[in-house]
Protein backbone atom coordinates (compact mmCIF):
# COMPACT_ATOMS: atom_id res chain seq x y z
CA MET A 1 -13.44 51.70 40.54
CA GLU A 2 -11.20 49.84 43.17
CA ASN A 3 -7.37 49.95 42.92
CA MET A 4 -6.10 47.68 40.22
CA THR A 5 -3.03 46.72 41.99
CA GLU A 6 -5.14 44.92 44.64
CA LYS A 7 -6.94 42.63 42.15
CA THR A 8 -5.52 39.28 41.10
CA PHE A 9 -5.21 38.30 37.55
CA GLU A 10 -8.29 36.01 37.97
CA GLU A 11 -10.49 38.83 39.65
CA ALA A 12 -9.45 41.41 36.90
CA LEU A 13 -10.16 38.73 34.12
CA THR A 14 -13.53 37.88 35.61
CA ARG A 15 -14.50 41.48 35.95
CA LEU A 16 -13.25 42.11 32.39
CA GLU A 17 -15.57 39.22 31.07
CA GLU A 18 -18.53 40.83 32.95
CA ILE A 19 -17.96 44.23 31.40
CA VAL A 20 -17.84 42.55 27.94
CA ASN A 21 -21.09 40.91 28.46
CA LEU A 22 -22.76 44.16 29.64
CA LEU A 23 -21.24 46.07 26.73
CA GLU A 24 -22.42 43.35 24.03
CA ASN A 25 -25.84 43.35 25.50
CA GLY A 26 -26.24 46.96 24.07
CA GLU A 27 -28.83 48.30 26.64
CA LEU A 28 -26.58 50.57 28.57
CA LYS A 29 -26.69 54.35 28.32
CA LEU A 30 -23.66 55.98 26.37
CA ASP A 31 -22.09 57.39 29.74
CA GLU A 32 -22.56 53.97 31.27
CA SER A 33 -20.89 52.31 28.37
CA LEU A 34 -17.96 54.73 28.39
CA LYS A 35 -17.29 54.19 32.01
CA LEU A 36 -17.42 50.39 31.71
CA PHE A 37 -15.14 50.59 28.56
CA GLU A 38 -12.54 52.65 30.63
CA GLU A 39 -12.74 50.15 33.36
CA GLY A 40 -12.34 47.34 30.80
CA ILE A 41 -9.18 48.90 29.20
CA ALA A 42 -7.68 49.51 32.67
CA LEU A 43 -8.53 45.68 33.50
CA ALA A 44 -7.02 44.60 30.25
CA ARG A 45 -3.74 46.54 31.02
CA HIS A 46 -3.72 45.13 34.43
CA CYS A 47 -4.17 41.52 33.07
CA ASN A 48 -1.44 42.09 30.49
CA LEU A 49 0.96 43.46 33.07
CA LYS A 50 0.24 40.28 35.51
CA LEU A 51 0.96 38.13 32.43
CA GLU A 52 4.34 39.85 31.68
CA GLU A 53 5.45 39.63 35.43
CA ALA A 54 4.48 35.89 35.17
CA GLN A 55 6.61 35.45 32.00
CA GLY A 56 9.49 37.16 33.61
CA ARG A 57 9.29 34.85 36.68
CA VAL A 58 9.34 31.83 34.35
CA GLU A 59 12.24 33.02 32.37
CA ILE A 60 14.22 33.64 35.74
CA LEU A 61 13.27 30.04 36.65
CA LEU A 62 14.56 28.82 33.12
CA ALA A 63 17.98 30.81 33.66
CA GLY A 64 20.90 28.65 32.92
CA GLU A 65 23.98 28.50 35.01
CA ASP A 66 25.52 31.44 32.89
CA GLY A 67 22.65 33.61 34.03
CA GLU A 68 21.03 33.86 30.55
CA ALA A 69 17.33 33.28 30.39
CA LYS A 70 16.53 30.39 28.10
CA THR A 71 12.91 30.66 26.83
CA GLU A 72 11.16 27.62 26.11
CA LEU A 73 7.76 26.72 24.75
CA PHE A 74 5.35 25.73 27.54
CA ARG A 75 3.67 22.65 26.54
CA LEU A 76 1.21 20.71 28.83
CA GLU A 77 1.54 17.09 29.22
CA GLU A 78 -1.27 16.20 27.17
CA GLU A 79 0.03 18.11 24.26
CA GLU A 80 3.28 16.38 24.58
CA SER A 81 1.72 13.01 24.25
CA TRP A 82 -0.01 14.07 21.04
CA SER A 83 3.21 14.98 19.21
């Protein structure tokens, strides 16, 4: 298993999807399934960390003049036009 810190969010998510598909297939031996499951857990944690980092960066960008982060719900333009 390669170093998680070298994977981008997209790479980790793609590999996680591959693992889920392999495990759902049910044709692997128990040892192989356990190894993939462990890798999947590590990938899920890595993705979660990347998302938390991104959230922190967005909150910094939204920080007001007083330095306090002002969180706002992110909405796509399409969603805004539906409201």
